[in-house]
Amino acid sequence: MLRRWLRRRGDERDDERDDGIVCIQFVELVTDYLEGAMTSTDRVRFESHLAACPHCTRYLAQIRATVELSGRLSAADVDALGRDARAELLAVFRAYNA
């Protein structure tokens, strides 16, 4: 999976293969990691980067917290923000999905 992603992005050169990943690749692969959609080899490489990079460790923790907290939001929680905040939140969500 990781090599396929690298080839698609044009980041992998046949003569110079590095089995590690860099932060930008880590960020783009976080969803696959959290969903358990990586091969065991890719998971080891991903976790190896994670063990050596405090920035990506912090990023992963933030993503996990976001997923956990957003799963607990109810319509009442959003309505409690007020009309302006609700409208702004919806605008951001629509722009993201566009």
N, C-alpha and C. Protein backbone atom coordinates (compact mmCIF):
# COMPACT_ATOMS: atom_id res chain seq x y z
N MET A 1 0.82 -1.18 0.00
CA MET A 1 0.00 0.00 0.00
C MET A 1 0.88 1.26 0.00
N LEU A 2 1.87 1.30 0.86
CA LEU A 2 2.74 2.47 0.94
C LEU A 2 3.50 2.67 -0.36
N ARG A 3 4.06 1.62 -0.91
CA ARG A 3 4.80 1.77 -2.18
C ARG A 3 3.87 2.24 -3.30
N ARG A 4 2.64 1.75 -3.31
CA ARG A 4 1.66 2.17 -4.31
C ARG A 4 1.38 3.67 -4.15
N TRP A 5 1.23 4.12 -2.92
CA TRP A 5 1.01 5.54 -2.65
C TRP A 5 2.20 6.37 -3.11
N LEU A 6 3.40 5.89 -2.82
CA LEU A 6 4.61 6.62 -3.22
C LEU A 6 4.71 6.70 -4.74
N ARG A 7 4.41 5.61 -5.43
CA ARG A 7 4.47 5.62 -6.89
C ARG A 7 3.46 6.60 -7.46
N ARG A 8 2.25 6.60 -6.90
CA ARG A 8 1.21 7.52 -7.36
C ARG A 8 1.65 8.96 -7.20
N ARG A 9 2.36 9.25 -6.13
CA ARG A 9 2.82 10.61 -5.87
C ARG A 9 4.12 10.93 -6.60
N GLY A 10 4.75 9.91 -7.18
CA GLY A 10 6.01 10.12 -7.87
C GLY A 10 7.19 10.29 -6.91
N ASP A 11 7.04 9.82 -5.67
CA ASP A 11 8.07 9.98 -4.66
C ASP A 11 9.04 8.81 -4.57
N GLU A 12 8.76 7.74 -5.27
CA GLU A 12 9.61 6.56 -5.17
C GLU A 12 10.45 6.43 -6.42
N ARG A 13 11.75 6.31 -6.25
CA ARG A 13 12.65 6.10 -7.37
C ARG A 13 13.20 4.69 -7.28
N ASP A 14 13.22 3.99 -8.41
CA ASP A 14 13.67 2.60 -8.42
C ASP A 14 15.09 2.44 -7.90
N ASP A 15 15.96 3.41 -8.17
CA ASP A 15 17.35 3.27 -7.79
C ASP A 15 17.63 3.72 -6.36
N GLU A 16 16.63 4.29 -5.71
CA GLU A 16 16.88 4.86 -4.40
C GLU A 16 15.66 4.64 -3.50
N ARG A 17 15.47 3.42 -3.07
CA ARG A 17 14.31 3.10 -2.24
C ARG A 17 14.66 3.23 -0.77
N ASP A 18 13.82 3.95 -0.07
CA ASP A 18 13.97 4.12 1.36
C ASP A 18 12.74 3.50 1.99
N ASP A 19 12.95 2.57 2.90
CA ASP A 19 11.80 1.90 3.50
C ASP A 19 11.11 2.74 4.56
N GLY A 20 11.68 3.90 4.88
CA GLY A 20 11.05 4.78 5.85
C GLY A 20 10.04 5.69 5.19
N ILE A 21 9.32 6.42 6.00
CA ILE A 21 8.40 7.40 5.48
C ILE A 21 8.74 8.75 6.11
N VAL A 22 8.31 9.81 5.48
CA VAL A 22 8.52 11.15 6.00
C VAL A 22 7.19 11.67 6.54
N CYS A 23 7.23 12.76 7.26
CA CYS A 23 6.04 13.27 7.96
C CYS A 23 4.84 13.49 7.04
N ILE A 24 5.05 14.06 5.88
CA ILE A 24 3.92 14.34 4.99
C ILE A 24 3.24 13.03 4.57
N GLN A 25 4.02 11.98 4.38
CA GLN A 25 3.44 10.68 4.04
C GLN A 25 2.70 10.12 5.25
N PHE A 26 3.28 10.30 6.42
CA PHE A 26 2.65 9.85 7.66
C PHE A 26 1.25 10.47 7.79
N VAL A 27 1.18 11.77 7.61
CA VAL A 27 -0.09 12.50 7.74
C VAL A 27 -1.13 11.96 6.77
N GLU A 28 -0.71 11.69 5.55
CA GLU A 28 -1.65 11.22 4.54
C GLU A 28 -2.06 9.76 4.75
N LEU A 29 -1.31 9.03 5.55
CA LEU A 29 -1.61 7.61 5.78
C LEU A 29 -2.27 7.34 7.13
N VAL A 30 -2.50 8.37 7.93
CA VAL A 30 -3.06 8.18 9.27
C VAL A 30 -4.40 7.47 9.24
N THR A 31 -5.27 7.82 8.31
CA THR A 31 -6.59 7.19 8.25
C THR A 31 -6.47 5.69 8.02
N ASP A 32 -5.61 5.28 7.08
CA ASP A 32 -5.41 3.85 6.85
C ASP A 32 -4.91 3.16 8.11
N TYR A 33 -4.03 3.81 8.83
CA TYR A 33 -3.49 3.25 10.07
C TYR A 33 -4.60 3.07 11.11
N LEU A 34 -5.39 4.10 11.32
CA LEU A 34 -6.44 4.04 12.33
C LEU A 34 -7.54 3.05 11.96
N GLU A 35 -7.76 2.86 10.68
CA GLU A 35 -8.80 1.92 10.22
C GLU A 35 -8.27 0.49 10.09
N GLY A 36 -6.98 0.29 10.35
CA GLY A 36 -6.41 -1.05 10.24
C GLY A 36 -6.31 -1.53 8.80
N ALA A 37 -6.15 -0.59 7.86
CA ALA A 37 -6.15 -0.93 6.44
C ALA A 37 -4.75 -1.07 5.85
N MET A 38 -3.73 -1.14 6.69
CA MET A 38 -2.35 -1.26 6.20
C MET A 38 -1.89 -2.71 6.26
N THR A 39 -0.97 -3.04 5.37
CA THR A 39 -0.33 -4.34 5.47
C THR A 39 0.55 -4.34 6.71
N SER A 40 0.94 -5.50 7.15
CA SER A 40 1.79 -5.56 8.35
C SER A 40 3.13 -4.87 8.10
N THR A 41 3.66 -4.98 6.90
CA THR A 41 4.93 -4.33 6.56
C THR A 41 4.80 -2.82 6.61
N ASP A 42 3.73 -2.29 6.01
CA ASP A 42 3.50 -0.84 6.03
C ASP A 42 3.25 -0.35 7.46
N ARG A 43 2.55 -1.14 8.23
CA ARG A 43 2.26 -0.76 9.61
C ARG A 43 3.56 -0.66 10.43
N VAL A 44 4.48 -1.58 10.22
CA VAL A 44 5.77 -1.54 10.91
C VAL A 44 6.52 -0.27 10.52
N ARG A 45 6.54 0.05 9.25
CA ARG A 45 7.24 1.26 8.78
C ARG A 45 6.57 2.52 9.34
N PHE A 46 5.26 2.52 9.36
CA PHE A 46 4.50 3.65 9.90
C PHE A 46 4.82 3.82 11.39
N GLU A 47 4.76 2.72 12.13
CA GLU A 47 5.02 2.78 13.57
C GLU A 47 6.48 3.08 13.88
N SER A 48 7.37 2.70 12.99
CA SER A 48 8.78 3.04 13.17
C SER A 48 8.97 4.56 13.08
N HIS A 49 8.31 5.16 12.11
CA HIS A 49 8.37 6.62 12.00
C HIS A 49 7.73 7.25 13.24
N LEU A 50 6.61 6.71 13.66
CA LEU A 50 5.90 7.23 14.83
C LEU A 50 6.79 7.20 16.07
N ALA A 51 7.53 6.14 16.25
CA ALA A 51 8.41 6.00 17.42
C ALA A 51 9.54 7.02 17.43
N ALA A 52 9.92 7.49 16.26
CA ALA A 52 11.07 8.40 16.16
C ALA A 52 10.67 9.86 15.97
N CYS A 53 9.40 10.15 15.82
CA CYS A 53 8.98 11.51 15.48
C CYS A 53 7.96 12.04 16.49
N PRO A 54 8.39 12.91 17.38
CA PRO A 54 7.44 13.45 18.37
C PRO A 54 6.33 14.29 17.73
N HIS A 55 6.61 14.92 16.60
CA HIS A 55 5.59 15.74 15.93
C HIS A 55 4.46 14.86 15.41
N CYS A 56 4.80 13.76 14.79
CA CYS A 56 3.76 12.86 14.26
C CYS A 56 3.05 12.13 15.39
N THR A 57 3.76 11.86 16.47
CA THR A 57 3.13 11.24 17.65
C THR A 57 2.04 12.18 18.18
N ARG A 58 2.36 13.46 18.27
CA ARG A 58 1.40 14.47 18.74
C ARG A 58 0.24 14.59 17.74
N TYR A 59 0.55 14.57 16.44
CA TYR A 59 -0.48 14.68 15.41
C TYR A 59 -1.46 13.50 15.51
N LEU A 60 -0.93 12.30 15.66
CA LEU A 60 -1.78 11.12 15.77
C LEU A 60 -2.68 11.22 17.00
N ALA A 61 -2.14 11.69 18.11
CA ALA A 61 -2.94 11.86 19.33
C ALA A 61 -4.07 12.87 19.09
N GLN A 62 -3.78 13.94 18.36
CA GLN A 62 -4.80 14.95 18.06
C GLN A 62 -5.90 14.37 17.17
N ILE A 63 -5.51 13.57 16.20
CA ILE A 63 -6.51 12.95 15.31
C ILE A 63 -7.38 11.98 16.09
N ARG A 64 -6.76 11.18 16.94
CA ARG A 64 -7.55 10.25 17.77
C ARG A 64 -8.53 11.01 18.67
N ALA A 65 -8.09 12.10 19.27
CA ALA A 65 -8.97 12.90 20.13
C ALA A 65 -10.10 13.51 19.31
N THR A 66 -9.79 13.99 18.12
CA THR A 66 -10.82 14.58 17.25
C THR A 66 -11.88 13.55 16.89
N VAL A 67 -11.45 12.35 16.53
CA VAL A 67 -12.39 11.29 16.18
C VAL A 67 -13.26 10.94 17.38
N GLU A 68 -12.63 10.82 18.54
CA GLU A 68 -13.38 10.47 19.75
C GLU A 68 -14.40 11.56 20.11
N LEU A 69 -13.96 12.80 20.10
CA LEU A 69 -14.84 13.90 20.49
C LEU A 69 -15.96 14.14 19.48
N SER A 70 -15.64 14.05 18.20
CA SER A 70 -16.67 14.30 17.19
C SER A 70 -17.72 13.21 17.20
N GLY A 71 -17.34 12.03 17.62
CA GLY A 71 -18.30 10.94 17.72
C GLY A 71 -19.31 11.15 18.84
N ARG A 72 -19.00 12.05 19.76
CA ARG A 72 -19.89 12.32 20.89
C ARG A 72 -20.78 13.54 20.67
N LEU A 73 -20.57 14.29 19.61
CA LEU A 73 -21.38 15.49 19.38
C LEU A 73 -22.81 15.11 19.01
N SER A 74 -23.72 15.86 19.57
CA SER A 74 -25.13 15.67 19.21
C SER A 74 -25.63 16.95 18.56
N ALA A 75 -26.81 16.89 17.99
CA ALA A 75 -27.41 18.08 17.39
C ALA A 75 -27.61 19.16 18.45
N ALA A 76 -27.94 18.75 19.67
CA ALA A 76 -28.13 19.71 20.76
C ALA A 76 -26.83 20.42 21.10
N ASP A 77 -25.70 19.69 21.03
CA ASP A 77 -24.39 20.31 21.29
C ASP A 77 -24.10 21.39 20.26
N VAL A 78 -24.38 21.09 19.02
CA VAL A 78 -24.14 22.06 17.94
C VAL A 78 -25.08 23.25 18.09
N ASP A 79 -26.34 22.99 18.40
CA ASP A 79 -27.31 24.08 18.57
C ASP A 79 -26.94 24.97 19.75
N ALA A 80 -26.34 24.39 20.78
CA ALA A 80 -25.94 25.16 21.97
C ALA A 80 -24.83 26.17 21.66
N LEU A 81 -24.14 25.98 20.54
CA LEU A 81 -23.08 26.91 20.16
C LEU A 81 -23.63 28.28 19.78
N GLY A 82 -24.88 28.32 19.40
CA GLY A 82 -25.48 29.57 18.94
C GLY A 82 -25.61 29.56 17.43
N ARG A 83 -26.48 30.41 16.94
CA ARG A 83 -26.80 30.45 15.51
C ARG A 83 -25.59 30.77 14.65
N ASP A 84 -24.80 31.78 15.04
CA ASP A 84 -23.64 32.18 14.24
C ASP A 84 -22.58 31.08 14.19
N ALA A 85 -22.29 30.49 15.33
CA ALA A 85 -21.28 29.43 15.38
C ALA A 85 -21.74 28.21 14.58
N ARG A 86 -23.03 27.90 14.69
CA ARG A 86 -23.58 26.76 13.93
C ARG A 86 -23.45 27.02 12.43
N ALA A 87 -23.80 28.22 11.99
CA ALA A 87 -23.70 28.58 10.58
C ALA A 87 -22.25 28.51 10.10
N GLU A 88 -21.34 28.99 10.92
CA GLU A 88 -19.92 28.95 10.55
C GLU A 88 -19.43 27.51 10.45
N LEU A 89 -19.82 26.69 11.41
CA LEU A 89 -19.43 25.27 11.39
C LEU A 89 -19.96 24.58 10.14
N LEU A 90 -21.21 24.83 9.80
CA LEU A 90 -21.79 24.23 8.59
C LEU A 90 -21.09 24.72 7.32
N ALA A 91 -20.72 25.99 7.29
CA ALA A 91 -20.01 26.54 6.12
C ALA A 91 -18.66 25.88 5.96
N VAL A 92 -17.95 25.69 7.05
CA VAL A 92 -16.64 25.02 6.98
C VAL A 92 -16.81 23.58 6.51
N PHE A 93 -17.81 22.89 7.04
CA PHE A 93 -18.07 21.51 6.65
C PHE A 93 -18.42 21.42 5.16
N ARG A 94 -19.26 22.32 4.69
CA ARG A 94 -19.63 22.31 3.26
C ARG A 94 -18.44 22.62 2.38
N ALA A 95 -17.61 23.56 2.79
CA ALA A 95 -16.41 23.89 2.01
C ALA A 95 -15.45 22.71 1.96
N TYR A 96 -15.33 22.01 3.06
CA TYR A 96 -14.45 20.84 3.11
C TYR A 96 -14.93 19.74 2.17
N ASN A 97 -16.23 19.55 2.12
CA ASN A 97 -16.80 18.49 1.27
C ASN A 97 -16.88 18.88 -0.20
N ALA A 98 -16.69 20.15 -0.51
CA ALA A 98 -16.80 20.62 -1.90
C ALA A 98 -15.59 20.21 -2.73
